[in-house]
Amino acid sequence: MRRCPECGHWEPAGAPGCARCARLVDEIVEEGWRAYVAREFGVLGPEEERQVAEMVVDEPDRHLWRVVDAAYDRLTCPECGGRLSRGPAGCGPCDLANGFRYVAVEIDRPAVPPGNEHALRVNVSVARRPSGISASEVFLRCQSLPLLIEGRLPTGAQARAIKALANSGATEQELITHMHRDWGAG
């Protein structure tokens, strides 16, 4: 793990507030898109890429989650004008697209515990669309990203313990220390 030179958190835990960390979170999704497009289509122009994105979001259950999330980024929400699925909570088309993203395929990366990819996916989703989610939940989800990227996965008991600690009023530093210690990151 590396410290972000802009915010001081472990990369990309400073998302969504730190622009550099937010770009790193987006890159998790983008690398999946680039690999998919190169494998299936080769080099595409912007219009062709948008057409592929439309095809992907029409059948999200047939594609990896990173591909689906990146496809939504290439489409514009007709209501809020932002990237489809990333608009504010309450934006109808974005809320709908945000829900559909969860039917996409998850395959754990090699050498990570089962369920790591699901946890990574959910936490990336929160970091990329924090609207309507409590600040403490966004903080916990983002702080866990470096650990999940590294291949760690908390047990159910560890996840409940950190949530209880957050609900009891622990400081951000106490939460970070507890998470890194208990999840085996030193």
N, C-alpha and C. Protein backbone atom coordinates (compact mmCIF):
# COMPACT_ATOMS: atom_id res chain seq x y z
N MET A 1 0.85 -1.18 0.00
CA MET A 1 0.00 0.00 0.00
C MET A 1 0.89 1.24 0.00
N ARG A 2 0.39 2.27 -0.67
CA ARG A 2 1.11 3.53 -0.74
C ARG A 2 0.23 4.65 -0.21
N ARG A 3 0.87 5.66 0.35
CA ARG A 3 0.16 6.85 0.81
C ARG A 3 -0.09 7.78 -0.37
N CYS A 4 -1.25 8.35 -0.41
CA CYS A 4 -1.57 9.33 -1.44
C CYS A 4 -0.82 10.62 -1.12
N PRO A 5 -0.07 11.15 -2.06
CA PRO A 5 0.66 12.39 -1.79
C PRO A 5 -0.26 13.61 -1.64
N GLU A 6 -1.51 13.50 -2.07
CA GLU A 6 -2.43 14.63 -1.97
C GLU A 6 -3.21 14.65 -0.66
N CYS A 7 -3.69 13.48 -0.19
CA CYS A 7 -4.54 13.48 1.00
C CYS A 7 -3.92 12.77 2.20
N GLY A 8 -2.89 11.96 1.98
CA GLY A 8 -2.23 11.26 3.07
C GLY A 8 -2.84 9.92 3.45
N HIS A 9 -4.01 9.59 2.90
CA HIS A 9 -4.62 8.27 3.17
C HIS A 9 -3.89 7.21 2.36
N TRP A 10 -4.09 5.95 2.74
CA TRP A 10 -3.62 4.87 1.89
C TRP A 10 -4.42 4.93 0.61
N GLU A 11 -3.76 4.84 -0.54
CA GLU A 11 -4.46 4.93 -1.83
C GLU A 11 -5.45 3.78 -1.99
N PRO A 12 -6.63 3.98 -2.43
CA PRO A 12 -7.37 5.17 -2.80
C PRO A 12 -8.41 5.56 -1.73
N ALA A 13 -8.05 5.40 -0.46
CA ALA A 13 -9.00 5.61 0.63
C ALA A 13 -9.50 7.04 0.77
N GLY A 14 -8.83 7.99 0.16
CA GLY A 14 -9.26 9.38 0.27
C GLY A 14 -10.44 9.73 -0.63
N ALA A 15 -10.86 8.79 -1.47
CA ALA A 15 -12.03 9.03 -2.32
C ALA A 15 -13.27 9.13 -1.45
N PRO A 16 -14.27 9.83 -1.84
CA PRO A 16 -14.38 10.62 -3.05
C PRO A 16 -13.85 12.05 -2.91
N GLY A 17 -13.44 12.46 -1.71
CA GLY A 17 -13.01 13.84 -1.48
C GLY A 17 -11.69 14.21 -2.12
N CYS A 18 -10.80 13.28 -2.20
CA CYS A 18 -9.48 13.52 -2.81
C CYS A 18 -9.59 13.18 -4.30
N ALA A 19 -9.32 14.13 -5.16
CA ALA A 19 -9.44 13.92 -6.60
C ALA A 19 -8.52 12.81 -7.09
N ARG A 20 -7.31 12.75 -6.55
CA ARG A 20 -6.37 11.71 -6.99
C ARG A 20 -6.89 10.34 -6.61
N CYS A 21 -7.36 10.17 -5.38
CA CYS A 21 -7.89 8.88 -4.94
C CYS A 21 -9.15 8.51 -5.73
N ALA A 22 -9.98 9.50 -6.03
CA ALA A 22 -11.19 9.24 -6.82
C ALA A 22 -10.81 8.74 -8.21
N ARG A 23 -9.75 9.31 -8.80
CA ARG A 23 -9.28 8.83 -10.11
C ARG A 23 -8.77 7.39 -10.00
N LEU A 24 -8.12 7.06 -8.90
CA LEU A 24 -7.63 5.69 -8.71
C LEU A 24 -8.79 4.70 -8.58
N VAL A 25 -9.86 5.11 -7.92
CA VAL A 25 -11.04 4.26 -7.82
C VAL A 25 -11.64 4.08 -9.21
N ASP A 26 -11.76 5.16 -9.96
CA ASP A 26 -12.27 5.05 -11.33
C ASP A 26 -11.40 4.13 -12.17
N GLU A 27 -10.10 4.15 -11.93
CA GLU A 27 -9.18 3.32 -12.70
C GLU A 27 -9.43 1.82 -12.46
N ILE A 28 -9.91 1.45 -11.28
CA ILE A 28 -10.26 0.05 -11.01
C ILE A 28 -11.30 -0.42 -12.03
N VAL A 29 -12.25 0.44 -12.32
CA VAL A 29 -13.30 0.14 -13.28
C VAL A 29 -12.76 0.24 -14.71
N GLU A 30 -12.03 1.29 -14.99
CA GLU A 30 -11.54 1.54 -16.35
C GLU A 30 -10.62 0.44 -16.86
N GLU A 31 -9.80 -0.14 -15.98
CA GLU A 31 -8.90 -1.19 -16.46
C GLU A 31 -9.70 -2.40 -16.94
N GLY A 32 -10.82 -2.68 -16.30
CA GLY A 32 -11.69 -3.76 -16.76
C GLY A 32 -12.31 -3.45 -18.11
N TRP A 33 -12.73 -2.20 -18.30
CA TRP A 33 -13.31 -1.78 -19.58
C TRP A 33 -12.29 -1.89 -20.71
N ARG A 34 -11.10 -1.37 -20.47
CA ARG A 34 -10.06 -1.40 -21.52
C ARG A 34 -9.75 -2.83 -21.93
N ALA A 35 -9.63 -3.72 -20.97
CA ALA A 35 -9.32 -5.12 -21.29
C ALA A 35 -10.46 -5.76 -22.09
N TYR A 36 -11.70 -5.47 -21.70
CA TYR A 36 -12.86 -6.01 -22.40
C TYR A 36 -12.91 -5.51 -23.84
N VAL A 37 -12.80 -4.21 -24.03
CA VAL A 37 -12.88 -3.63 -25.37
C VAL A 37 -11.75 -4.16 -26.25
N ALA A 38 -10.54 -4.21 -25.73
CA ALA A 38 -9.40 -4.70 -26.52
C ALA A 38 -9.61 -6.16 -26.92
N ARG A 39 -10.08 -6.97 -25.99
CA ARG A 39 -10.29 -8.40 -26.24
C ARG A 39 -11.42 -8.63 -27.25
N GLU A 40 -12.51 -7.91 -27.10
CA GLU A 40 -13.71 -8.17 -27.90
C GLU A 40 -13.81 -7.35 -29.19
N PHE A 41 -13.23 -6.15 -29.20
CA PHE A 41 -13.47 -5.25 -30.33
C PHE A 41 -12.22 -4.61 -30.91
N GLY A 42 -11.12 -4.63 -30.19
CA GLY A 42 -9.94 -3.92 -30.66
C GLY A 42 -10.06 -2.44 -30.34
N VAL A 43 -9.59 -1.61 -31.23
CA VAL A 43 -9.61 -0.16 -31.02
C VAL A 43 -10.96 0.39 -31.49
N LEU A 44 -11.58 1.20 -30.64
CA LEU A 44 -12.87 1.81 -30.97
C LEU A 44 -12.77 3.33 -30.88
N GLY A 45 -13.56 3.98 -31.71
CA GLY A 45 -13.70 5.42 -31.61
C GLY A 45 -14.76 5.73 -30.55
N PRO A 46 -14.91 7.00 -30.19
CA PRO A 46 -15.86 7.39 -29.14
C PRO A 46 -17.30 6.95 -29.41
N GLU A 47 -17.77 7.09 -30.64
CA GLU A 47 -19.16 6.70 -30.94
C GLU A 47 -19.33 5.19 -30.86
N GLU A 48 -18.36 4.45 -31.36
CA GLU A 48 -18.43 2.98 -31.26
C GLU A 48 -18.37 2.54 -29.79
N GLU A 49 -17.55 3.21 -29.03
CA GLU A 49 -17.45 2.87 -27.61
C GLU A 49 -18.78 3.12 -26.89
N ARG A 50 -19.45 4.21 -27.23
CA ARG A 50 -20.76 4.49 -26.64
C ARG A 50 -21.76 3.41 -27.04
N GLN A 51 -21.72 2.96 -28.28
CA GLN A 51 -22.62 1.90 -28.74
C GLN A 51 -22.36 0.60 -27.99
N VAL A 52 -21.10 0.28 -27.76
CA VAL A 52 -20.77 -0.92 -26.98
C VAL A 52 -21.28 -0.75 -25.55
N ALA A 53 -21.14 0.43 -24.99
CA ALA A 53 -21.62 0.70 -23.64
C ALA A 53 -23.13 0.48 -23.57
N GLU A 54 -23.86 0.95 -24.56
CA GLU A 54 -25.32 0.73 -24.59
C GLU A 54 -25.65 -0.75 -24.63
N MET A 55 -24.91 -1.51 -25.41
CA MET A 55 -25.11 -2.95 -25.49
C MET A 55 -24.84 -3.61 -24.13
N VAL A 56 -23.78 -3.20 -23.49
CA VAL A 56 -23.42 -3.79 -22.19
C VAL A 56 -24.50 -3.52 -21.15
N VAL A 57 -24.99 -2.28 -21.07
CA VAL A 57 -25.98 -1.97 -20.03
C VAL A 57 -27.34 -2.58 -20.35
N ASP A 58 -27.56 -2.99 -21.61
CA ASP A 58 -28.79 -3.70 -21.96
C ASP A 58 -28.78 -5.13 -21.46
N GLU A 59 -27.61 -5.65 -21.17
CA GLU A 59 -27.47 -7.02 -20.68
C GLU A 59 -26.39 -7.10 -19.60
N PRO A 60 -26.57 -6.40 -18.49
CA PRO A 60 -25.51 -6.34 -17.47
C PRO A 60 -25.19 -7.69 -16.84
N ASP A 61 -26.13 -8.61 -16.85
CA ASP A 61 -25.89 -9.93 -16.26
C ASP A 61 -24.95 -10.80 -17.09
N ARG A 62 -24.53 -10.33 -18.24
CA ARG A 62 -23.63 -11.08 -19.11
C ARG A 62 -22.20 -10.53 -19.09
N HIS A 63 -21.95 -9.54 -18.23
CA HIS A 63 -20.65 -8.87 -18.24
C HIS A 63 -20.11 -8.72 -16.83
N LEU A 64 -18.79 -8.65 -16.75
CA LEU A 64 -18.14 -8.41 -15.46
C LEU A 64 -18.53 -7.04 -14.92
N TRP A 65 -18.56 -6.93 -13.60
CA TRP A 65 -19.04 -5.69 -12.97
C TRP A 65 -18.23 -4.47 -13.38
N ARG A 66 -16.95 -4.63 -13.53
CA ARG A 66 -16.11 -3.48 -13.91
C ARG A 66 -16.49 -2.97 -15.30
N VAL A 67 -16.82 -3.89 -16.19
CA VAL A 67 -17.24 -3.53 -17.55
C VAL A 67 -18.58 -2.80 -17.50
N VAL A 68 -19.50 -3.30 -16.70
CA VAL A 68 -20.82 -2.67 -16.58
C VAL A 68 -20.69 -1.27 -15.98
N ASP A 69 -19.94 -1.15 -14.90
CA ASP A 69 -19.78 0.17 -14.28
C ASP A 69 -19.15 1.17 -15.26
N ALA A 70 -18.15 0.72 -16.01
CA ALA A 70 -17.49 1.60 -16.97
C ALA A 70 -18.43 1.94 -18.13
N ALA A 71 -19.28 1.00 -18.52
CA ALA A 71 -20.25 1.28 -19.59
C ALA A 71 -21.20 2.39 -19.15
N TYR A 72 -21.69 2.31 -17.93
CA TYR A 72 -22.57 3.38 -17.44
C TYR A 72 -21.88 4.73 -17.46
N ASP A 73 -20.58 4.75 -17.18
CA ASP A 73 -19.83 6.01 -17.20
C ASP A 73 -19.82 6.65 -18.58
N ARG A 74 -20.02 5.86 -19.61
CA ARG A 74 -19.97 6.36 -20.98
C ARG A 74 -21.33 6.84 -21.49
N LEU A 75 -22.34 6.74 -20.64
CA LEU A 75 -23.69 7.14 -21.02
C LEU A 75 -24.14 8.30 -20.15
N THR A 76 -24.95 9.17 -20.71
CA THR A 76 -25.42 10.36 -20.00
C THR A 76 -26.83 10.13 -19.49
N CYS A 77 -27.06 10.51 -18.25
CA CYS A 77 -28.38 10.40 -17.65
C CYS A 77 -29.30 11.45 -18.27
N PRO A 78 -30.48 11.02 -18.74
CA PRO A 78 -31.39 11.99 -19.34
C PRO A 78 -32.02 12.95 -18.32
N GLU A 79 -31.96 12.60 -17.05
CA GLU A 79 -32.58 13.45 -16.02
C GLU A 79 -31.59 14.43 -15.40
N CYS A 80 -30.48 13.94 -14.91
CA CYS A 80 -29.54 14.83 -14.20
C CYS A 80 -28.40 15.33 -15.08
N GLY A 81 -28.18 14.68 -16.22
CA GLY A 81 -27.14 15.11 -17.14
C GLY A 81 -25.75 14.61 -16.81
N GLY A 82 -25.61 13.87 -15.70
CA GLY A 82 -24.32 13.31 -15.31
C GLY A 82 -24.10 11.95 -15.93
N ARG A 83 -23.06 11.29 -15.47
CA ARG A 83 -22.80 9.93 -15.94
C ARG A 83 -23.90 9.03 -15.37
N LEU A 84 -24.50 8.23 -16.23
CA LEU A 84 -25.61 7.37 -15.84
C LEU A 84 -25.19 6.45 -14.69
N SER A 85 -25.98 6.40 -13.67
CA SER A 85 -25.82 5.61 -12.43
C SER A 85 -25.06 6.36 -11.35
N ARG A 86 -24.46 7.50 -11.66
CA ARG A 86 -23.64 8.20 -10.68
C ARG A 86 -24.26 9.50 -10.20
N GLY A 87 -25.47 9.79 -10.65
CA GLY A 87 -26.14 11.01 -10.24
C GLY A 87 -26.60 10.96 -8.79
N PRO A 88 -27.20 12.03 -8.33
CA PRO A 88 -27.63 12.09 -6.93
C PRO A 88 -28.73 11.08 -6.62
N ALA A 89 -28.78 10.62 -5.38
CA ALA A 89 -29.87 9.75 -4.94
C ALA A 89 -31.17 10.48 -5.21
N GLY A 90 -32.14 9.77 -5.74
CA GLY A 90 -33.41 10.38 -6.09
C GLY A 90 -33.53 10.67 -7.58
N CYS A 91 -32.43 10.63 -8.32
CA CYS A 91 -32.48 10.76 -9.77
C CYS A 91 -32.95 9.40 -10.30
N GLY A 92 -34.15 9.37 -10.86
CA GLY A 92 -34.75 8.10 -11.27
C GLY A 92 -33.89 7.22 -12.16
N PRO A 93 -33.43 7.74 -13.31
CA PRO A 93 -32.60 6.89 -14.18
C PRO A 93 -31.30 6.43 -13.51
N CYS A 94 -30.68 7.30 -12.72
CA CYS A 94 -29.44 6.91 -12.04
C CYS A 94 -29.71 5.87 -10.96
N ASP A 95 -30.80 6.04 -10.21
CA ASP A 95 -31.15 5.05 -9.19
C ASP A 95 -31.40 3.69 -9.84
N LEU A 96 -32.11 3.67 -10.95
CA LEU A 96 -32.41 2.43 -11.66
C LEU A 96 -31.12 1.78 -12.16
N ALA A 97 -30.28 2.56 -12.82
CA ALA A 97 -29.02 2.04 -13.34
C ALA A 97 -28.12 1.56 -12.20
N ASN A 98 -28.10 2.29 -11.09
CA ASN A 98 -27.30 1.88 -9.95
C ASN A 98 -27.75 0.52 -9.44
N GLY A 99 -29.04 0.26 -9.44
CA GLY A 99 -29.54 -1.05 -9.03
C GLY A 99 -29.18 -2.15 -10.01
N PHE A 100 -29.30 -1.86 -11.31
CA PHE A 100 -29.00 -2.87 -12.32
C PHE A 100 -27.54 -3.26 -12.33
N ARG A 101 -26.64 -2.36 -11.87
CA ARG A 101 -25.22 -2.70 -11.90
C ARG A 101 -24.94 -3.94 -11.06
N TYR A 102 -25.79 -4.23 -10.08
CA TYR A 102 -25.52 -5.34 -9.18
C TYR A 102 -25.90 -6.71 -9.73
N VAL A 103 -26.43 -6.77 -10.96
CA VAL A 103 -26.66 -8.08 -11.58
C VAL A 103 -25.46 -8.51 -12.41
N ALA A 104 -24.47 -7.65 -12.52
CA ALA A 104 -23.27 -7.98 -13.29
C ALA A 104 -22.51 -9.12 -12.62
N VAL A 105 -21.65 -9.73 -13.38
CA VAL A 105 -20.89 -10.90 -12.95
C VAL A 105 -19.72 -10.50 -12.05
N GLU A 106 -19.51 -11.26 -11.00
CA GLU A 106 -18.36 -11.08 -10.11
C GLU A 106 -17.53 -12.36 -10.14
N ILE A 107 -16.26 -12.22 -10.38
CA ILE A 107 -15.34 -13.35 -10.31
C ILE A 107 -14.18 -12.91 -9.43
N ASP A 108 -13.94 -13.64 -8.34
CA ASP A 108 -12.84 -13.28 -7.46
C ASP A 108 -11.51 -13.37 -8.22
N ARG A 109 -10.65 -12.43 -7.93
CA ARG A 109 -9.31 -12.44 -8.51
C ARG A 109 -8.53 -13.62 -7.94
N PRO A 110 -7.49 -14.07 -8.64
CA PRO A 110 -6.68 -15.16 -8.11
C PRO A 110 -6.06 -14.78 -6.76
N ALA A 111 -5.99 -15.74 -5.87
CA ALA A 111 -5.30 -15.61 -4.58
C ALA A 111 -5.95 -14.62 -3.62
N VAL A 112 -7.25 -14.37 -3.76
CA VAL A 112 -7.98 -13.58 -2.78
C VAL A 112 -9.06 -14.46 -2.17
N PRO A 113 -9.48 -14.17 -0.94
CA PRO A 113 -10.52 -14.98 -0.33
C PRO A 113 -11.85 -14.85 -1.08
N PRO A 114 -12.64 -15.90 -1.10
CA PRO A 114 -13.95 -15.81 -1.74
C PRO A 114 -14.76 -14.66 -1.13
N GLY A 115 -15.35 -13.87 -2.00
CA GLY A 115 -16.12 -12.72 -1.54
C GLY A 115 -15.37 -11.41 -1.61
N ASN A 116 -14.05 -11.46 -1.83
CA ASN A 116 -13.27 -10.22 -1.91
C ASN A 116 -13.75 -9.34 -3.05
N GLU A 117 -14.02 -9.95 -4.20
CA GLU A 117 -14.43 -9.15 -5.36
C GLU A 117 -15.78 -8.49 -5.11
N HIS A 118 -16.68 -9.18 -4.42
CA HIS A 118 -17.97 -8.58 -4.09
C HIS A 118 -17.77 -7.38 -3.17
N ALA A 119 -16.95 -7.55 -2.16
CA ALA A 119 -16.69 -6.44 -1.23
C ALA A 119 -16.04 -5.28 -1.96
N LEU A 120 -15.09 -5.57 -2.83
CA LEU A 120 -14.43 -4.52 -3.60
C LEU A 120 -15.45 -3.79 -4.46
N ARG A 121 -16.31 -4.54 -5.11
CA ARG A 121 -17.33 -3.96 -5.99
C ARG A 121 -18.27 -3.02 -5.23
N VAL A 122 -18.76 -3.47 -4.09
CA VAL A 122 -19.69 -2.65 -3.31
C VAL A 122 -19.00 -1.38 -2.83
N ASN A 123 -17.78 -1.50 -2.36
CA ASN A 123 -17.08 -0.34 -1.82
C ASN A 123 -16.68 0.63 -2.93
N VAL A 124 -16.32 0.12 -4.09
CA VAL A 124 -16.05 0.99 -5.24
C VAL A 124 -17.32 1.74 -5.62
N SER A 125 -18.44 1.03 -5.62
CA SER A 125 -19.71 1.66 -5.95
C SER A 125 -20.03 2.81 -5.00
N VAL A 126 -19.81 2.60 -3.71
CA VAL A 126 -20.07 3.65 -2.73
C VAL A 126 -19.12 4.83 -2.94
N ALA A 127 -17.86 4.55 -3.19
CA ALA A 127 -16.89 5.63 -3.41
C ALA A 127 -17.23 6.44 -4.65
N ARG A 128 -17.79 5.79 -5.66
CA ARG A 128 -18.12 6.47 -6.91
C ARG A 128 -19.49 7.13 -6.90
N ARG A 129 -20.37 6.70 -6.00
CA ARG A 129 -21.70 7.33 -5.88
C ARG A 129 -22.09 7.40 -4.41
N PRO A 130 -21.52 8.33 -3.66
CA PRO A 130 -21.79 8.42 -2.23
C PRO A 130 -23.12 9.08 -1.87
N SER A 131 -23.82 9.61 -2.86
CA SER A 131 -25.08 10.31 -2.61
C SER A 131 -26.08 9.39 -1.93
N GLY A 132 -26.67 9.89 -0.85
CA GLY A 132 -27.68 9.13 -0.12
C GLY A 132 -27.13 8.12 0.86
N ILE A 133 -25.82 8.10 1.04
CA ILE A 133 -25.17 7.17 1.96
C ILE A 133 -24.54 8.00 3.08
N SER A 134 -24.67 7.52 4.31
CA SER A 134 -24.16 8.30 5.44
C SER A 134 -22.65 8.53 5.30
N ALA A 135 -22.20 9.65 5.83
CA ALA A 135 -20.78 10.00 5.76
C ALA A 135 -19.91 8.93 6.43
N SER A 136 -20.38 8.37 7.56
CA SER A 136 -19.57 7.35 8.24
C SER A 136 -19.48 6.07 7.40
N GLU A 137 -20.56 5.72 6.70
CA GLU A 137 -20.54 4.53 5.84
C GLU A 137 -19.60 4.75 4.66
N VAL A 138 -19.66 5.92 4.05
CA VAL A 138 -18.76 6.23 2.94
C VAL A 138 -17.31 6.16 3.42
N PHE A 139 -17.05 6.75 4.59
CA PHE A 139 -15.69 6.73 5.14
C PHE A 139 -15.20 5.30 5.33
N LEU A 140 -16.00 4.45 5.97
CA LEU A 140 -15.59 3.06 6.21
C LEU A 140 -15.36 2.31 4.91
N ARG A 141 -16.27 2.48 3.97
CA ARG A 141 -16.14 1.78 2.68
C ARG A 141 -14.88 2.22 1.95
N CYS A 142 -14.60 3.51 1.95
CA CYS A 142 -13.42 4.00 1.26
C CYS A 142 -12.13 3.59 1.98
N GLN A 143 -12.15 3.62 3.30
CA GLN A 143 -10.95 3.22 4.05
C GLN A 143 -10.63 1.74 3.85
N SER A 144 -11.63 0.93 3.56
CA SER A 144 -11.38 -0.49 3.37
C SER A 144 -10.84 -0.80 1.97
N LEU A 145 -10.97 0.13 1.04
CA LEU A 145 -10.53 -0.13 -0.34
C LEU A 145 -9.06 -0.58 -0.45
N PRO A 146 -8.10 0.09 0.19
CA PRO A 146 -6.71 -0.37 0.05
C PRO A 146 -6.52 -1.81 0.54
N LEU A 147 -7.23 -2.18 1.59
CA LEU A 147 -7.11 -3.52 2.12
C LEU A 147 -7.74 -4.55 1.18
N LEU A 148 -8.89 -4.21 0.62
CA LEU A 148 -9.55 -5.12 -0.32
C LEU A 148 -8.73 -5.26 -1.60
N ILE A 149 -8.18 -4.18 -2.10
CA ILE A 149 -7.34 -4.23 -3.29
C ILE A 149 -6.14 -5.13 -3.03
N GLU A 150 -5.62 -5.07 -1.82
CA GLU A 150 -4.48 -5.90 -1.45
C GLU A 150 -4.87 -7.38 -1.30
N GLY A 151 -6.17 -7.67 -1.32
CA GLY A 151 -6.62 -9.05 -1.24
C GLY A 151 -7.13 -9.47 0.12
N ARG A 152 -7.27 -8.55 1.03
CA ARG A 152 -7.79 -8.88 2.36
C ARG A 152 -9.31 -8.83 2.33
N LEU A 153 -9.92 -9.50 3.29
CA LEU A 153 -11.37 -9.49 3.43
C LEU A 153 -11.70 -9.69 4.90
N PRO A 154 -12.44 -8.76 5.49
CA PRO A 154 -12.78 -8.92 6.90
C PRO A 154 -13.79 -10.06 7.08
N THR A 155 -13.74 -10.66 8.23
CA THR A 155 -14.78 -11.63 8.56
C THR A 155 -16.05 -10.84 8.86
N GLY A 156 -17.16 -11.52 8.94
CA GLY A 156 -18.40 -10.85 9.31
C GLY A 156 -18.28 -10.18 10.67
N ALA A 157 -17.63 -10.87 11.60
CA ALA A 157 -17.45 -10.32 12.94
C ALA A 157 -16.59 -9.05 12.91
N GLN A 158 -15.53 -9.06 12.09
CA GLN A 158 -14.67 -7.88 11.99
C GLN A 158 -15.42 -6.70 11.37
N ALA A 159 -16.22 -6.97 10.35
CA ALA A 159 -16.99 -5.90 9.72
C ALA A 159 -18.01 -5.32 10.69
N ARG A 160 -18.68 -6.19 11.46
CA ARG A 160 -19.65 -5.70 12.45
C ARG A 160 -18.96 -4.92 13.56
N ALA A 161 -17.77 -5.35 13.94
CA ALA A 161 -17.04 -4.67 15.01
C ALA A 161 -16.63 -3.26 14.59
N ILE A 162 -16.16 -3.10 13.35
CA ILE A 162 -15.75 -1.76 12.90
C ILE A 162 -16.97 -0.87 12.75
N LYS A 163 -18.09 -1.43 12.31
CA LYS A 163 -19.33 -0.65 12.20
C LYS A 163 -19.80 -0.21 13.58
N ALA A 164 -19.74 -1.11 14.56
CA ALA A 164 -20.15 -0.77 15.93
C ALA A 164 -19.23 0.32 16.50
N LEU A 165 -17.96 0.20 16.22
CA LEU A 165 -17.00 1.20 16.68
C LEU A 165 -17.32 2.56 16.07
N ALA A 166 -17.65 2.57 14.78
CA ALA A 166 -18.03 3.83 14.12
C ALA A 166 -19.30 4.40 14.74
N ASN A 167 -20.26 3.54 15.00
CA ASN A 167 -21.53 3.99 15.58
C ASN A 167 -21.37 4.50 17.01
N SER A 168 -20.31 4.06 17.69
CA SER A 168 -20.08 4.49 19.07
C SER A 168 -19.37 5.84 19.15
N GLY A 169 -19.01 6.38 17.98
CA GLY A 169 -18.38 7.71 17.98
C GLY A 169 -16.86 7.70 17.90
N ALA A 170 -16.28 6.58 17.50
CA ALA A 170 -14.82 6.52 17.38
C ALA A 170 -14.34 7.55 16.37
N THR A 171 -13.15 8.03 16.57
CA THR A 171 -12.57 8.99 15.63
C THR A 171 -12.17 8.26 14.35
N GLU A 172 -11.97 9.03 13.30
CA GLU A 172 -11.54 8.43 12.03
C GLU A 172 -10.22 7.70 12.21
N GLN A 173 -9.29 8.27 12.95
CA GLN A 173 -7.99 7.62 13.15
C GLN A 173 -8.15 6.32 13.93
N GLU A 174 -9.02 6.30 14.94
CA GLU A 174 -9.27 5.06 15.69
C GLU A 174 -9.84 3.98 14.77
N LEU A 175 -10.74 4.38 13.89
CA LEU A 175 -11.32 3.41 12.95
C LEU A 175 -10.27 2.85 12.00
N ILE A 176 -9.44 3.74 11.46
CA ILE A 176 -8.38 3.30 10.55
C ILE A 176 -7.42 2.35 11.25
N THR A 177 -6.99 2.72 12.46
CA THR A 177 -6.06 1.88 13.22
C THR A 177 -6.67 0.52 13.50
N HIS A 178 -7.91 0.50 13.94
CA HIS A 178 -8.60 -0.75 14.26
C HIS A 178 -8.72 -1.62 13.00
N MET A 179 -9.11 -1.02 11.90
CA MET A 179 -9.31 -1.76 10.65
C MET A 179 -8.00 -2.39 10.18
N HIS A 180 -6.94 -1.61 10.16
CA HIS A 180 -5.66 -2.12 9.67
C HIS A 180 -5.08 -3.18 10.61
N ARG A 181 -5.26 -2.99 11.88
CA ARG A 181 -4.75 -3.97 12.85
C ARG A 181 -5.53 -5.28 12.75
N ASP A 182 -6.86 -5.20 12.77
CA ASP A 182 -7.68 -6.40 12.83
C ASP A 182 -7.78 -7.13 11.49
N TRP A 183 -7.58 -6.42 10.40
CA TRP A 183 -7.65 -7.09 9.09
C TRP A 183 -6.29 -7.59 8.64
N GLY A 184 -5.30 -7.50 9.52
CA GLY A 184 -3.99 -8.07 9.24
C GLY A 184 -3.09 -7.21 8.38
N ALA A 185 -3.28 -5.91 8.43
CA ALA A 185 -2.43 -5.03 7.60
C ALA A 185 -1.37 -4.33 8.44
N GLY A 186 -1.19 -4.74 9.66
CA GLY A 186 -0.13 -4.17 10.47
C GLY A 186 -0.52 -2.95 11.26
